[in-house]
């Protein structure tokens, strides 16, 4: 389940920016609006899962229906003649897909006895699926080669995702039965609680407020990476760019295993600072690297993904869980997810799109170099903000202590 869940997205999402620019001739803001649908889907998912999947139907059946719908939408994306026709398909798709991610996690948690012990071993298959999708595209089909891109064959990535969606839809019917946990008559659905609004009291604590603001702001430069990394690697002539980007997932898996080791030696603040610093360093590597003599800088920038993602996002989620208290654990995680994937990345995609359109006109000859300097600068600002104002308490105040 996890392998296919993430193989599906990896099959087309990594090369999406290249496809939009090269095949659909999309502008920077059109690319930004299309990428921003992922953020809108992240906001919609808690509502759908909480109101529908947790209350009326077995989770494995809902998962099957969502992936059948996803397959049809992915095929529609492959046939869209331009960005304006592409947008409605991906808008609906991400509402379905982000809901399916929540459901797949929920199914796993319902059927394992010890989440801390067993879930990482299950979830890592999602990372393996993402890696395999990149290897398939670059080395098996070679859809991301310059010749193939010029011929428009990247549209096949959506068909590959659609086929895998059908496979997962069928496989989901054979998953363990996962009936609704909430009896409709006994409990009303609270959308505010689902997206974490009842955990807003945590923001009264200065350190959490600084972390919360930093988490939103750092998602602006992160959006530059998701939107522009693959088109950049294609433009500078990096061979097999999609497979090269999968090195970031290898790094992510390794760093995930090393988090307990670093926790004992560094603590929350230093680990999050390392994560933010890695984003800034990655963009500087991209700004000064190229596809020839300095290609090693690009590889280093990709491999930094493990520190970038795990030390910022995963450690941040652990920090949030620690201070939330038992009553607000789920709500606090929902609040952070909406803040980063919803608000932060939504703003980030729009900023990246506007900056891209401006630089293409004003600094066409140095477009990529200047494009990467901007998220590097934002990352350095976040680094200073967090370093100066965040204080890591030895005894962390929980949500229940905040009046």
Protein backbone atom coordinates (compact mmCIF):
# COMPACT_ATOMS: atom_id res chain seq x y z
CA UNK A 1 0.00 0.00 0.00
CA UNK A 2 2.67 2.51 1.01
CA UNK A 3 4.91 1.62 -1.94
CA UNK A 4 2.15 2.31 -4.49
CA UNK A 5 0.79 5.36 -2.60
CA UNK A 6 4.06 7.23 -3.04
CA UNK A 7 5.16 5.65 -6.33
CA UNK A 8 2.02 7.18 -7.86
CA UNK A 9 2.94 10.73 -6.89
CA UNK A 10 6.65 10.29 -7.58
CA UNK A 11 5.82 9.06 -11.09
CA UNK A 12 4.65 12.49 -12.26
CA UNK A 13 5.09 15.13 -9.56
CA UNK A 14 8.90 15.35 -9.74
CA UNK A 15 8.82 16.17 -13.46
CA UNK A 16 5.64 18.29 -13.27
CA UNK A 17 7.44 21.64 -13.46
CA UNK A 18 9.41 20.54 -16.52
CA UNK A 19 6.27 19.23 -18.20
CA UNK A 20 4.33 22.44 -17.59
CA UNK A 21 7.13 24.64 -18.93
CA UNK A 22 8.35 22.51 -21.83
CA UNK A 23 5.16 20.80 -23.02
CA UNK A 24 2.37 23.21 -22.04
CA UNK A 25 4.38 26.48 -22.28
CA UNK A 26 3.06 27.58 -18.89
CA UNK A 27 4.07 30.90 -17.36
CA UNK A 28 5.62 31.15 -13.91
CA UNK A 29 2.31 32.08 -12.27
CA UNK A 30 0.46 29.31 -14.12
CA UNK A 31 3.02 26.83 -12.77
CA UNK A 32 2.62 28.35 -9.30
CA UNK A 33 -1.17 28.05 -9.36
CA UNK A 34 -0.96 24.43 -10.44
CA UNK A 35 1.54 23.53 -7.72
CA UNK A 36 -0.54 25.39 -5.13
CA UNK A 37 -3.36 22.85 -5.57
CA UNK A 38 -1.30 20.52 -3.34
CA UNK A 39 -1.66 23.05 -0.51
CA UNK A 40 -5.40 23.38 -1.11
CA UNK A 41 -5.68 19.60 -1.05
CA UNK A 42 -3.87 19.53 2.31
CA UNK A 43 -6.52 21.87 3.74
CA UNK A 44 -9.39 19.83 2.29
CA UNK A 45 -8.12 16.40 3.40
CA UNK A 46 -8.89 16.72 7.16
CA UNK A 47 -12.47 17.71 6.33
CA UNK A 48 -13.04 14.81 3.94
CA UNK A 49 -11.39 12.18 6.11
CA UNK A 50 -12.99 13.43 9.33
CA UNK A 51 -16.48 13.96 7.95
CA UNK A 52 -16.77 11.08 5.46
CA UNK A 53 -14.16 8.35 5.85
CA UNK A 54 -14.12 8.27 9.67
CA UNK A 55 -17.91 8.26 9.96
CA UNK A 56 -19.69 6.45 7.13
CA UNK A 57 -17.53 3.98 5.15
CA UNK A 58 -14.70 1.52 5.57
CA UNK A 59 -11.39 3.28 5.05
CA UNK A 60 -10.03 0.69 2.60
CA UNK A 61 -13.10 1.12 0.35
CA UNK A 62 -12.81 4.90 0.38
CA UNK A 63 -9.12 4.53 -0.47
CA UNK A 64 -10.05 2.36 -3.46
CA UNK A 65 -12.61 4.87 -4.76
CA UNK A 66 -10.20 7.79 -4.34
CA UNK A 67 -7.51 6.05 -6.40
CA UNK A 68 -9.97 5.10 -9.13
CA UNK A 69 -10.95 8.76 -9.31
CA UNK A 70 -7.26 9.68 -9.23
CA UNK A 71 -6.52 7.40 -12.18
CA UNK A 72 -9.18 9.11 -14.30
CA UNK A 73 -7.90 12.57 -13.33
CA UNK A 74 -4.27 11.65 -14.07
CA UNK A 75 -5.28 10.47 -17.52
CA UNK A 76 -7.12 13.77 -18.01
CA UNK A 77 -3.93 15.64 -17.08
CA UNK A 78 -2.00 13.71 -19.73
CA UNK A 79 -4.45 14.88 -22.40
CA UNK A 80 -4.79 18.55 -21.34
CA UNK A 81 -3.64 20.84 -24.18
CA UNK A 82 -2.60 23.78 -21.97
CA UNK A 83 -2.27 24.94 -18.37
CA UNK A 84 -5.81 26.30 -18.13
CA UNK A 85 -7.27 22.91 -19.08
CA UNK A 86 -4.75 21.10 -16.85
CA UNK A 87 -5.66 23.04 -13.70
CA UNK A 88 -9.18 21.62 -13.00
CA UNK A 89 -7.88 18.05 -13.18
CA UNK A 90 -5.04 18.58 -10.71
CA UNK A 91 -7.21 20.72 -8.43
CA UNK A 92 -9.65 17.84 -7.88
CA UNK A 93 -6.84 15.29 -7.95
CA UNK A 94 -4.97 16.73 -4.97
CA UNK A 95 -8.15 16.84 -2.90
CA UNK A 96 -8.47 13.10 -3.55
CA UNK A 97 -4.77 12.27 -3.22
CA UNK A 98 -4.07 14.19 -0.01
CA UNK A 99 -7.12 12.48 1.50
CA UNK A 100 -5.73 9.11 0.40
CA UNK A 101 -2.43 9.82 2.18
CA UNK A 102 -4.30 10.41 5.44
CA UNK A 103 -6.34 7.26 4.91
CA UNK A 104 -3.33 5.06 4.14
CA UNK A 105 -1.65 6.25 7.35
CA UNK A 106 -4.88 5.68 9.27
CA UNK A 107 -5.26 2.13 7.96
CA UNK A 108 -1.70 1.31 8.95
CA UNK A 109 -2.12 2.73 12.46
CA UNK A 110 -5.38 0.79 12.99
CA UNK A 111 -3.80 -2.58 12.26
CA UNK A 112 -0.42 -2.43 14.03
CA UNK A 113 0.01 -2.96 17.74
CA UNK A 114 2.94 -0.58 18.34
CA UNK A 115 3.06 2.47 16.04
CA UNK A 116 6.46 3.69 17.25
CA UNK A 117 7.98 0.27 16.66
CA UNK A 118 6.34 -0.80 13.41
CA UNK A 119 5.12 2.29 11.51
CA UNK A 120 8.57 3.58 10.41
CA UNK A 121 9.25 0.20 8.80
CA UNK A 122 5.93 0.45 6.95
CA UNK A 123 6.26 4.11 5.97
CA UNK A 124 9.78 3.66 4.57
CA UNK A 125 8.23 1.64 1.74
CA UNK A 126 6.64 4.90 0.60
CA UNK A 127 10.10 6.42 0.29
CA UNK A 128 11.25 3.32 -1.59
CA UNK A 129 8.28 3.69 -3.94
CA UNK A 130 9.17 7.33 -4.65
CA UNK A 131 12.79 6.36 -5.37
CA UNK A 132 11.74 3.54 -7.70
CA UNK A 133 9.49 5.87 -9.69
CA UNK A 134 12.46 8.15 -10.40
CA UNK A 135 14.63 5.21 -11.47
CA UNK A 136 11.88 3.90 -13.76
CA UNK A 137 11.40 7.27 -15.47
CA UNK A 138 15.13 7.96 -15.96
CA UNK A 139 16.62 4.54 -16.62
CA UNK A 140 13.80 2.30 -17.87
CA UNK A 141 11.71 4.64 -20.02
CA UNK A 142 14.13 7.62 -20.27
CA UNK A 143 11.21 10.05 -20.49
CA UNK A 144 13.29 12.84 -18.91
CA UNK A 145 16.07 12.82 -21.52
CA UNK A 146 16.35 16.05 -23.56
CA UNK A 147 15.21 14.28 -26.75
CA UNK A 148 12.20 12.71 -25.06
CA UNK A 149 11.17 15.98 -23.39
CA UNK A 150 11.34 17.80 -26.74
CA UNK A 151 9.01 15.15 -28.18
CA UNK A 152 6.51 15.63 -25.35
CA UNK A 153 6.82 12.13 -23.90
CA UNK A 154 6.64 13.38 -20.31
CA UNK A 155 2.86 13.10 -20.63
CA UNK A 156 3.44 9.35 -20.18
CA UNK A 157 4.35 9.98 -16.53
CA UNK A 158 0.69 10.75 -15.81
CA UNK A 159 -0.40 7.55 -17.56
CA UNK A 160 2.10 5.58 -15.46
CA UNK A 161 0.63 7.19 -12.34
CA UNK A 162 -2.90 6.37 -13.55
CA UNK A 163 -2.05 2.70 -14.10
CA UNK A 164 -0.53 2.46 -10.62
CA UNK A 165 -3.62 4.21 -9.18
CA UNK A 166 -5.82 1.48 -10.66
CA UNK A 167 -3.52 -1.16 -9.17
CA UNK A 168 -3.74 0.43 -5.73
CA UNK A 169 -7.52 0.81 -6.06
CA UNK A 170 -7.81 -2.95 -6.67
CA UNK A 171 -5.26 -3.81 -3.99
CA UNK A 172 -7.10 -1.65 -1.44
CA UNK A 173 -10.11 -3.97 -1.63
CA UNK A 174 -7.94 -6.74 -0.18
CA UNK A 175 -6.62 -4.68 2.72
CA UNK A 176 -7.85 -5.53 6.24
CA UNK A 177 -11.36 -4.26 6.89
CA UNK A 178 -11.17 -0.85 8.56
CA UNK A 179 -14.67 0.25 9.60
CA UNK A 180 -15.57 3.78 10.79
CA UNK A 181 -14.49 4.60 14.33
CA UNK A 182 -17.07 7.34 14.96
CA UNK A 183 -20.75 6.59 15.37
CA UNK A 184 -22.53 9.39 13.52
CA UNK A 185 -25.19 9.93 16.17
CA UNK A 186 -22.71 10.05 19.02
CA UNK A 187 -20.27 12.69 17.86
CA UNK A 188 -20.50 15.74 15.61
CA UNK A 189 -17.70 16.53 13.21
CA UNK A 190 -15.72 19.65 14.14
CA UNK A 191 -13.79 21.06 11.17
CA UNK A 192 -11.97 23.56 13.38
CA UNK A 193 -10.69 20.73 15.54
CA UNK A 194 -9.71 18.69 12.46
CA UNK A 195 -7.41 21.45 11.20
CA UNK A 196 -6.07 22.21 14.67
CA UNK A 197 -7.80 25.46 15.61
CA UNK A 198 -8.36 24.30 19.19
CA UNK A 199 -4.56 24.12 19.59
CA UNK A 200 -4.13 27.84 18.90
CA UNK A 201 -3.54 28.36 22.61
CA UNK A 202 -0.05 26.95 22.08
CA UNK A 203 0.85 30.18 20.28
CA UNK A 204 0.74 31.98 23.63
CA UNK A 205 4.02 30.25 24.35
CA UNK A 206 6.77 32.38 22.79
CA UNK A 207 9.01 29.52 21.68
CA UNK A 208 6.20 27.70 19.91
CA UNK A 209 5.09 30.95 18.27
CA UNK A 210 8.62 31.48 16.90
CA UNK A 211 8.70 27.89 15.65
CA UNK A 212 5.23 28.30 14.08
CA UNK A 213 6.19 31.50 12.23
CA UNK A 214 9.51 30.01 11.13
CA UNK A 215 7.76 26.89 9.83
CA UNK A 216 5.48 29.02 7.65
CA UNK A 217 8.26 31.26 6.33
CA UNK A 218 10.70 28.41 5.56
CA UNK A 219 8.03 26.82 3.36
CA UNK A 220 8.38 29.76 0.96
CA UNK A 221 11.91 28.79 -0.15
CA UNK A 222 10.94 25.11 0.00
CA UNK A 223 8.31 25.82 -2.66
CA UNK A 224 11.04 27.11 -4.98
CA UNK A 225 12.64 23.64 -4.85
CA UNK A 226 9.50 21.64 -5.59
CA UNK A 227 8.52 23.97 -8.41
CA UNK A 228 11.88 24.56 -10.09
CA UNK A 229 14.41 21.84 -9.24
CA UNK A 230 13.61 19.42 -12.06
CA UNK A 231 13.31 22.11 -14.78
CA UNK A 232 16.63 23.52 -13.54
CA UNK A 233 18.44 20.17 -13.74
CA UNK A 234 17.03 19.60 -17.22
CA UNK A 235 18.09 23.09 -18.31
CA UNK A 236 21.71 22.68 -17.15
CA UNK A 237 22.00 19.31 -18.86
CA UNK A 238 22.12 16.99 -15.83
CA UNK A 239 21.83 13.39 -17.15
CA UNK A 240 18.86 11.38 -15.79
CA UNK A 241 17.64 14.28 -13.62
CA UNK A 242 14.62 12.48 -12.16
CA UNK A 243 16.74 9.57 -10.93
CA UNK A 244 19.32 12.03 -9.57
CA UNK A 245 16.61 13.77 -7.56
CA UNK A 246 15.71 10.39 -6.01
CA UNK A 247 19.05 10.61 -4.19
CA UNK A 248 17.26 13.07 -1.93
CA UNK A 249 14.89 10.30 -0.81
CA UNK A 250 17.83 7.99 -0.05
CA UNK A 251 19.25 10.77 2.10
CA UNK A 252 15.85 11.32 3.75
CA UNK A 253 15.59 7.66 4.78
CA UNK A 254 19.11 7.61 6.24
CA UNK A 255 18.64 10.86 8.18
CA UNK A 256 15.34 9.59 9.54
CA UNK A 257 17.17 6.67 11.13
CA UNK A 258 19.83 9.01 12.55
CA UNK A 259 17.37 11.40 14.26
CA UNK A 260 17.50 9.59 17.66
CA UNK A 261 21.32 9.73 17.58
CA UNK A 262 21.36 13.50 16.90
CA UNK A 263 18.61 14.18 19.44
CA UNK A 264 20.79 12.91 22.26
CA UNK A 265 23.63 15.24 21.27
CA UNK A 266 22.00 18.34 19.82
CA UNK A 267 18.41 18.80 21.01
CA UNK A 268 15.52 20.47 19.18
CA UNK A 269 16.94 23.93 18.52
CA UNK A 270 20.27 22.87 17.03
CA UNK A 271 18.66 20.20 14.85
CA UNK A 272 16.07 22.60 13.44
CA UNK A 273 18.82 25.18 12.85
CA UNK A 274 20.79 22.56 10.90
CA UNK A 275 17.69 21.84 8.84
CA UNK A 276 17.16 25.52 7.98
CA UNK A 277 20.87 26.03 7.25
CA UNK A 278 20.79 23.06 4.89
CA UNK A 279 18.05 24.74 2.83
CA UNK A 280 20.15 27.90 2.49
CA UNK A 281 23.26 25.91 1.57
CA UNK A 282 21.34 23.82 -0.97
CA UNK A 283 20.22 26.91 -2.86
CA UNK A 284 23.73 28.34 -2.90
CA UNK A 285 24.98 25.04 -4.37
CA UNK A 286 22.30 25.31 -7.05
CA UNK A 287 23.18 28.95 -7.78
CA UNK A 288 26.88 28.22 -8.33
CA UNK A 289 26.63 24.70 -9.78
CA UNK A 290 26.20 23.58 -13.37
CA UNK A 291 25.74 20.39 -15.36
CA UNK A 292 29.42 19.99 -16.22
CA UNK A 293 32.48 20.82 -14.08
CA UNK A 294 30.43 21.90 -11.06
CA UNK A 295 27.81 19.15 -11.30
CA UNK A 296 29.01 17.87 -7.91
CA UNK A 297 27.49 20.99 -6.31
CA UNK A 298 24.08 20.05 -7.70
CA UNK A 299 24.42 16.50 -6.40
CA UNK A 300 25.39 17.84 -2.96
CA UNK A 301 22.36 20.12 -3.04
CA UNK A 302 20.09 17.16 -3.80
CA UNK A 303 21.66 14.90 -1.15
CA UNK A 304 21.10 17.61 1.49
CA UNK A 305 17.39 16.83 1.22
CA UNK A 306 17.53 14.44 4.16
CA UNK A 307 18.80 17.12 6.54
CA UNK A 308 16.56 19.77 4.94
CA UNK A 309 13.36 17.76 5.35
CA UNK A 310 13.90 15.54 8.38
CA UNK A 311 15.61 18.09 10.62
CA UNK A 312 12.99 20.75 9.89
CA UNK A 313 9.71 18.89 9.32
CA UNK A 314 10.10 15.64 11.27
CA UNK A 315 11.90 17.21 14.23
CA UNK A 316 9.37 20.04 14.18
CA UNK A 317 6.51 17.53 14.37
CA UNK A 318 8.21 15.77 17.29
CA UNK A 319 8.69 19.12 19.06
CA UNK A 320 5.02 19.96 18.50
CA UNK A 321 3.95 16.57 19.85
CA UNK A 322 6.08 17.09 22.97
CA UNK A 323 4.55 20.41 24.00
CA UNK A 324 0.95 19.76 22.92
CA UNK A 325 -0.08 17.53 25.80
CA UNK A 326 -2.35 14.51 25.46
CA UNK A 327 -5.51 16.51 24.79
CA UNK A 328 -4.08 18.55 21.91
CA UNK A 329 -1.67 16.13 20.22
CA UNK A 330 -3.79 15.55 17.10
CA UNK A 331 -4.98 19.16 16.90
CA UNK A 332 -1.46 20.54 17.21
CA UNK A 333 -0.20 18.30 14.40
CA UNK A 334 -3.13 19.42 12.26
CA UNK A 335 -2.31 23.05 12.99
CA UNK A 336 1.34 22.62 11.98
CA UNK A 337 0.41 20.67 8.84
CA UNK A 338 -2.01 23.37 7.70
CA UNK A 339 0.54 26.08 8.56
CA UNK A 340 3.34 24.49 6.51
CA UNK A 341 1.65 22.61 3.67
CA UNK A 342 -1.36 24.90 3.49
CA UNK A 343 -0.39 28.50 4.28
CA UNK A 344 3.40 28.42 3.89
CA UNK A 345 3.67 26.47 0.65
CA UNK A 346 0.64 28.19 -0.86
CA UNK A 347 2.36 31.56 -0.38
CA UNK A 348 5.65 30.02 -1.47
CA UNK A 349 4.36 28.70 -4.80
CA UNK A 350 2.85 32.09 -5.64
CA UNK A 351 6.05 33.91 -4.68
CA UNK A 352 8.14 31.48 -6.73
CA UNK A 353 5.86 31.93 -9.73
CA UNK A 354 5.92 35.72 -9.56
CA UNK A 355 9.70 35.82 -9.08
CA UNK A 356 10.18 33.43 -12.01
CA UNK A 357 8.10 35.56 -14.38
CA UNK A 358 9.97 38.72 -13.32
CA UNK A 359 13.45 37.24 -13.65
CA UNK A 360 12.74 35.76 -17.08
CA UNK A 361 12.17 39.30 -18.34
CA UNK A 362 14.63 41.33 -16.25
CA UNK A 363 17.59 38.92 -15.96
CA UNK A 364 17.15 36.31 -18.67
CA UNK A 365 20.89 35.56 -18.96
CA UNK A 366 21.31 34.92 -15.23
CA UNK A 367 17.82 33.59 -14.57
CA UNK A 368 18.68 30.40 -12.66
CA UNK A 369 21.47 31.93 -10.62
CA UNK A 370 19.26 34.79 -9.40
CA UNK A 371 16.29 32.48 -8.89
CA UNK A 372 18.20 30.38 -6.34
CA UNK A 373 19.68 33.39 -4.54
CA UNK A 374 16.20 34.52 -3.46
CA UNK A 375 15.18 31.36 -1.51
CA UNK A 376 18.72 31.22 -0.11
CA UNK A 377 18.20 34.71 1.31
CA UNK A 378 14.79 33.82 2.78
CA UNK A 379 16.33 30.71 4.37
CA UNK A 380 19.09 32.79 5.97
CA UNK A 381 16.43 35.14 7.36
CA UNK A 382 14.63 32.14 8.91
CA UNK A 383 17.94 30.93 10.33
CA UNK A 384 18.56 34.24 12.08
CA UNK A 385 14.96 34.49 13.28
CA UNK A 386 15.04 31.05 14.84
CA UNK A 387 18.57 31.32 16.24
CA UNK A 388 17.91 34.63 18.02
CA UNK A 389 14.34 34.25 19.32
CA UNK A 390 13.73 30.53 19.88
CA UNK A 391 14.56 29.33 23.39
CA UNK A 392 14.59 25.59 24.06
CA UNK A 393 13.22 25.02 27.55
CA UNK A 394 14.60 22.13 29.55
CA UNK A 395 11.11 21.54 30.90
CA UNK A 396 8.63 22.07 28.11
CA UNK A 397 5.30 23.68 28.95
CA UNK A 398 2.36 21.69 27.59
CA UNK A 399 -0.91 22.95 26.16
CA UNK A 400 -2.71 22.02 29.35
CA UNK A 401 -0.57 24.47 31.31
CA UNK A 402 -1.38 27.44 29.06
CA UNK A 403 -4.29 29.59 30.15
